[in-house]
Amino acid sequence: MATCMPGSEKDVIAKIKALPNIAEVNGVMGKYDVFAKIEAKDPANVDASIAKVRNVENVTSTVTMPVIYGQGGSVDSE
């Protein structure tokens, strides 16, 4: 989840969408402005992707919520 400067949401979404390991990105309403879903094979790539999101111009703060598999929902198996 990311918060950005007012009026910059569309630009921030476009920049995040272009980053590696971004599976989904959407604007949201409420406390946060942007939802981004990161998918990567290993924790180092997840960490690198989070750092890239945090460095996008006009992103003012982020909150990361790792998924705990096995507590509901579903996961595609490969």
Protein backbone atom coordinates (compact mmCIF):
# COMPACT_ATOMS: atom_id res chain seq x y z
CA MET A 1 0.00 0.00 0.00
CA ALA A 2 1.34 3.43 -0.88
CA THR A 3 0.41 7.02 -0.16
CA CYS A 4 1.39 9.67 -2.68
CA MET A 5 1.22 13.40 -3.24
CA PRO A 6 -2.33 14.54 -4.05
CA GLY A 7 -2.96 14.63 -7.79
CA SER A 8 -0.03 12.34 -8.64
CA GLU A 9 -1.90 9.04 -8.32
CA LYS A 10 -2.15 8.21 -12.04
CA ASP A 11 1.53 8.96 -12.63
CA VAL A 12 2.58 6.94 -9.59
CA ILE A 13 0.43 3.98 -10.71
CA ALA A 14 1.98 4.08 -14.20
CA LYS A 15 5.52 4.16 -12.78
CA ILE A 16 4.85 1.30 -10.35
CA LYS A 17 3.20 -0.75 -13.10
CA ALA A 18 6.44 -0.54 -15.12
CA LEU A 19 8.59 -1.97 -12.29
CA PRO A 20 9.75 -5.62 -12.26
CA ASN A 21 7.82 -8.17 -10.14
CA ILE A 22 4.65 -6.05 -10.04
CA ALA A 23 1.74 -8.44 -10.56
CA GLU A 24 -1.05 -5.90 -10.01
CA VAL A 25 -1.44 -2.20 -9.23
CA ASN A 26 -4.62 -0.22 -8.61
CA GLY A 27 -5.73 3.07 -7.19
CA VAL A 28 -7.68 2.73 -3.93
CA MET A 29 -9.71 5.09 -1.78
CA GLY A 30 -9.15 5.64 1.92
CA LYS A 31 -6.00 5.94 4.00
CA TYR A 32 -3.83 4.76 1.08
CA ASP A 33 -3.82 5.79 -2.58
CA VAL A 34 -2.27 2.80 -4.36
CA PHE A 35 -2.36 -0.97 -3.94
CA ALA A 36 0.54 -2.89 -5.53
CA LYS A 37 0.90 -6.66 -5.51
CA ILE A 38 4.47 -7.94 -5.75
CA GLU A 39 5.26 -11.51 -6.76
CA ALA A 40 8.83 -12.83 -6.82
CA LYS A 41 10.61 -16.17 -6.46
CA ASP A 42 12.76 -15.20 -3.49
CA PRO A 43 12.74 -12.69 -0.60
CA ALA A 44 15.65 -10.69 -2.02
CA ASN A 45 13.64 -9.88 -5.15
CA VAL A 46 10.62 -8.91 -3.04
CA ASP A 47 12.80 -6.58 -0.95
CA ALA A 48 14.32 -5.02 -4.09
CA SER A 49 10.86 -4.45 -5.57
CA ILE A 50 9.61 -2.82 -2.39
CA ALA A 51 12.62 -0.49 -2.42
CA LYS A 52 11.86 0.47 -6.04
CA VAL A 53 8.23 1.27 -5.18
CA ARG A 54 9.40 3.41 -2.25
CA ASN A 55 11.72 5.34 -4.58
CA VAL A 56 9.01 6.23 -7.12
CA GLU A 57 8.69 10.00 -7.36
CA ASN A 58 5.73 11.37 -5.33
CA VAL A 59 5.37 8.24 -3.16
CA THR A 60 5.39 9.62 0.38
CA SER A 61 4.94 6.43 2.42
CA THR A 62 4.35 2.70 2.07
CA VAL A 63 3.05 -0.17 4.16
CA THR A 64 4.01 -3.75 3.33
CA MET A 65 1.66 -6.63 4.15
CA PRO A 66 3.22 -10.04 3.50
CA VAL A 67 0.75 -12.85 2.83
CA ILE A 68 0.63 -15.77 5.26
CA TYR A 69 -0.13 -18.75 3.07
CA GLY A 70 -2.39 -21.40 4.52
CA GLN A 71 -4.67 -18.95 6.32
CA GLY A 72 -7.39 -18.74 3.69
CA GLY A 73 -7.45 -17.64 0.11
CA SER A 74 -5.73 -19.61 -2.59
CA VAL A 75 -2.33 -19.86 -4.18
CA ASP A 76 -1.64 -21.04 -7.72
CA SER A 77 0.73 -23.99 -7.63
CA GLU A 78 3.53 -24.27 -10.15
